[in-house]
């Protein structure tokens, strides 16, 4: 887990939040940990339908596109 001083965190807070990894970030004061910032975990059920109207299907999604003969 990454560690950063409180003063540096204050300077770069928004940029650090944009790049926050899954392990989070430990904020220190005078070398001692005082806080931990973790990414917010979303409920997987809330993702259902989140790409509606964002994807376009081209062609037959039930086919591999390869013709074959089952008689052989």
N, C-alpha and C. Protein backbone atom coordinates (compact mmCIF):
# COMPACT_ATOMS: atom_id res chain seq x y z
N UNK A 1 0.85 -1.17 0.00
CA UNK A 1 0.00 0.00 0.00
C UNK A 1 0.89 1.24 0.00
N UNK A 2 0.55 2.22 -0.83
CA UNK A 2 1.33 3.45 -0.92
C UNK A 2 1.14 4.31 0.32
N UNK A 3 2.16 5.07 0.65
CA UNK A 3 2.13 5.97 1.80
C UNK A 3 2.47 7.37 1.32
N UNK A 4 1.79 8.38 1.89
CA UNK A 4 2.07 9.76 1.52
C UNK A 4 1.87 10.64 2.75
N UNK A 5 2.67 11.68 2.85
CA UNK A 5 2.53 12.63 3.96
C UNK A 5 1.28 13.47 3.80
N UNK A 6 0.74 13.94 4.92
CA UNK A 6 -0.51 14.70 4.91
C UNK A 6 -0.40 15.98 4.09
N UNK A 7 0.71 16.70 4.21
CA UNK A 7 0.87 17.95 3.47
C UNK A 7 0.89 17.69 1.96
N UNK A 8 1.59 16.65 1.56
CA UNK A 8 1.64 16.31 0.13
C UNK A 8 0.27 15.82 -0.36
N UNK A 9 -0.44 15.08 0.48
CA UNK A 9 -1.79 14.63 0.13
C UNK A 9 -2.71 15.83 -0.08
N UNK A 10 -2.58 16.81 0.79
CA UNK A 10 -3.41 18.02 0.69
C UNK A 10 -3.16 18.73 -0.64
N UNK A 11 -1.90 18.80 -1.07
CA UNK A 11 -1.55 19.46 -2.32
C UNK A 11 -2.11 18.74 -3.54
N UNK A 12 -2.09 17.42 -3.49
CA UNK A 12 -2.40 16.61 -4.67
C UNK A 12 -3.64 15.74 -4.52
N UNK A 13 -4.52 16.09 -3.63
CA UNK A 13 -5.66 15.25 -3.28
C UNK A 13 -6.46 14.76 -4.49
N UNK A 14 -6.92 15.65 -5.35
CA UNK A 14 -7.78 15.26 -6.46
C UNK A 14 -7.06 14.36 -7.45
N UNK A 15 -5.80 14.66 -7.74
CA UNK A 15 -5.03 13.83 -8.67
C UNK A 15 -4.80 12.44 -8.07
N UNK A 16 -4.54 12.37 -6.78
CA UNK A 16 -4.33 11.08 -6.12
C UNK A 16 -5.61 10.25 -6.12
N UNK A 17 -6.74 10.89 -5.92
CA UNK A 17 -8.01 10.17 -5.93
C UNK A 17 -8.34 9.62 -7.32
N UNK A 18 -7.95 10.37 -8.35
CA UNK A 18 -8.18 9.90 -9.73
C UNK A 18 -7.38 8.64 -10.03
N UNK A 19 -6.22 8.50 -9.40
CA UNK A 19 -5.35 7.35 -9.66
C UNK A 19 -5.30 6.37 -8.50
N UNK A 20 -6.29 6.39 -7.63
CA UNK A 20 -6.30 5.54 -6.45
C UNK A 20 -6.40 4.06 -6.85
N UNK A 21 -5.44 3.28 -6.42
CA UNK A 21 -5.41 1.86 -6.74
C UNK A 21 -6.29 1.05 -5.79
N UNK A 22 -6.45 -0.23 -6.07
CA UNK A 22 -7.32 -1.08 -5.25
C UNK A 22 -6.82 -1.23 -3.80
N UNK A 23 -5.52 -1.06 -3.58
CA UNK A 23 -4.98 -1.18 -2.22
C UNK A 23 -5.20 0.06 -1.39
N UNK A 24 -5.47 1.18 -2.03
CA UNK A 24 -5.70 2.42 -1.30
C UNK A 24 -4.42 3.18 -1.04
N UNK A 25 -4.49 4.07 -0.07
CA UNK A 25 -3.40 4.98 0.23
C UNK A 25 -3.39 5.26 1.73
N UNK A 26 -2.20 5.21 2.33
CA UNK A 26 -2.06 5.54 3.76
C UNK A 26 -1.51 6.95 3.87
N UNK A 27 -2.17 7.78 4.67
CA UNK A 27 -1.73 9.16 4.88
C UNK A 27 -1.03 9.23 6.23
N UNK A 28 0.16 9.83 6.23
CA UNK A 28 0.95 9.90 7.46
C UNK A 28 1.15 11.34 7.91
N UNK A 29 1.37 11.49 9.21
CA UNK A 29 1.76 12.77 9.80
C UNK A 29 2.98 12.49 10.67
N UNK A 30 4.06 13.15 10.36
CA UNK A 30 5.32 12.95 11.07
C UNK A 30 5.74 11.48 11.05
N UNK A 31 5.47 10.82 9.91
CA UNK A 31 5.89 9.43 9.73
C UNK A 31 4.95 8.39 10.34
N UNK A 32 3.91 8.82 11.02
CA UNK A 32 2.98 7.88 11.64
C UNK A 32 1.67 7.85 10.84
N UNK A 33 1.14 6.67 10.57
CA UNK A 33 -0.12 6.57 9.83
C UNK A 33 -1.27 7.18 10.62
N UNK A 34 -2.07 8.03 9.94
CA UNK A 34 -3.22 8.65 10.59
C UNK A 34 -4.53 8.35 9.87
N UNK A 35 -4.45 7.97 8.59
CA UNK A 35 -5.67 7.70 7.84
C UNK A 35 -5.36 6.77 6.67
N UNK A 36 -6.41 6.11 6.21
CA UNK A 36 -6.28 5.25 5.03
C UNK A 36 -7.43 5.58 4.09
N UNK A 37 -7.10 5.82 2.82
CA UNK A 37 -8.11 6.11 1.81
C UNK A 37 -8.24 4.87 0.94
N UNK A 38 -9.46 4.34 0.86
CA UNK A 38 -9.72 3.15 0.07
C UNK A 38 -10.75 3.47 -1.01
N UNK A 39 -10.66 2.79 -2.16
CA UNK A 39 -11.69 3.02 -3.19
C UNK A 39 -13.04 2.52 -2.72
N UNK A 40 -14.08 3.19 -3.14
CA UNK A 40 -15.43 2.81 -2.78
C UNK A 40 -15.82 1.58 -3.59
N UNK A 41 -16.30 0.55 -2.91
CA UNK A 41 -16.71 -0.68 -3.59
C UNK A 41 -18.17 -0.58 -3.96
N UNK A 42 -18.44 -0.72 -5.25
CA UNK A 42 -19.82 -0.68 -5.71
C UNK A 42 -20.43 -2.07 -5.66
N UNK A 43 -21.71 -2.12 -5.43
CA UNK A 43 -22.44 -3.37 -5.45
C UNK A 43 -22.49 -3.88 -6.88
N UNK A 44 -22.02 -5.10 -7.16
CA UNK A 44 -22.02 -5.62 -8.53
C UNK A 44 -23.39 -5.58 -9.18
N UNK A 45 -24.44 -5.71 -8.41
CA UNK A 45 -25.80 -5.69 -8.98
C UNK A 45 -26.10 -4.33 -9.61
N UNK A 46 -25.47 -3.27 -9.12
CA UNK A 46 -25.73 -1.95 -9.67
C UNK A 46 -25.14 -1.78 -11.06
N UNK A 47 -24.24 -2.68 -11.45
CA UNK A 47 -23.63 -2.61 -12.78
C UNK A 47 -24.52 -3.20 -13.87
N UNK A 48 -25.52 -3.98 -13.48
CA UNK A 48 -26.40 -4.61 -14.47
C UNK A 48 -27.15 -3.52 -15.23
N UNK A 49 -27.01 -3.54 -16.53
CA UNK A 49 -27.68 -2.56 -17.39
C UNK A 49 -26.94 -1.24 -17.50
N UNK A 50 -25.77 -1.12 -16.90
CA UNK A 50 -25.06 0.16 -16.91
C UNK A 50 -24.54 0.53 -18.30
N UNK A 51 -24.42 -0.44 -19.20
CA UNK A 51 -23.94 -0.14 -20.55
C UNK A 51 -25.09 -0.09 -21.57
N UNK A 52 -26.31 -0.07 -21.09
CA UNK A 52 -27.46 0.02 -21.99
C UNK A 52 -27.32 1.27 -22.84
N UNK A 53 -27.58 1.14 -24.11
CA UNK A 53 -27.48 2.22 -25.11
C UNK A 53 -26.04 2.67 -25.35
N UNK A 54 -25.07 1.93 -24.85
CA UNK A 54 -23.66 2.27 -25.07
C UNK A 54 -22.98 1.31 -26.05
N UNK A 55 -23.53 0.11 -26.20
CA UNK A 55 -22.93 -0.90 -27.06
C UNK A 55 -23.78 -1.12 -28.30
N UNK A 56 -23.12 -1.42 -29.41
CA UNK A 56 -23.83 -1.75 -30.64
C UNK A 56 -23.42 -3.14 -31.07
N UNK A 57 -24.40 -3.99 -31.34
CA UNK A 57 -24.13 -5.36 -31.76
C UNK A 57 -24.11 -5.40 -33.28
N UNK A 58 -23.02 -5.94 -33.82
CA UNK A 58 -22.90 -6.08 -35.26
C UNK A 58 -22.84 -7.56 -35.60
N UNK A 59 -23.70 -8.00 -36.49
CA UNK A 59 -23.70 -9.40 -36.91
C UNK A 59 -24.44 -10.29 -35.95
N UNK A 60 -24.26 -11.59 -36.16
CA UNK A 60 -24.95 -12.61 -35.37
C UNK A 60 -24.09 -12.97 -34.16
N UNK A 61 -24.54 -12.62 -32.96
CA UNK A 61 -23.74 -12.89 -31.76
C UNK A 61 -23.78 -14.36 -31.36
N UNK A 62 -24.65 -15.15 -31.98
CA UNK A 62 -24.76 -16.57 -31.67
C UNK A 62 -23.92 -17.42 -32.61
N UNK A 63 -23.15 -16.81 -33.48
CA UNK A 63 -22.37 -17.55 -34.46
C UNK A 63 -20.89 -17.18 -34.34
N UNK A 64 -20.03 -18.15 -34.65
CA UNK A 64 -18.59 -17.88 -34.66
C UNK A 64 -18.16 -17.27 -35.98
N UNK A 65 -19.05 -17.33 -36.99
CA UNK A 65 -18.70 -16.81 -38.30
C UNK A 65 -18.00 -17.83 -39.17
N UNK A 66 -17.78 -19.03 -38.65
CA UNK A 66 -17.08 -20.10 -39.38
C UNK A 66 -18.15 -21.12 -39.82
N UNK A 67 -18.16 -21.44 -41.10
CA UNK A 67 -19.09 -22.44 -41.58
C UNK A 67 -18.46 -23.82 -41.41
N UNK A 68 -19.26 -24.81 -41.02
CA UNK A 68 -18.76 -26.16 -40.85
C UNK A 68 -19.86 -27.15 -41.20
N UNK A 69 -19.44 -28.36 -41.49
CA UNK A 69 -20.38 -29.41 -41.88
C UNK A 69 -20.40 -30.47 -40.79
N UNK A 70 -21.53 -30.64 -40.13
CA UNK A 70 -21.65 -31.59 -39.02
C UNK A 70 -21.75 -33.02 -39.49
N UNK A 71 -21.92 -33.25 -40.80
CA UNK A 71 -22.08 -34.59 -41.35
C UNK A 71 -20.73 -35.32 -41.49
N UNK A 72 -19.65 -34.65 -41.46
CA UNK A 72 -18.32 -35.27 -41.69
C UNK A 72 -17.78 -35.90 -40.46
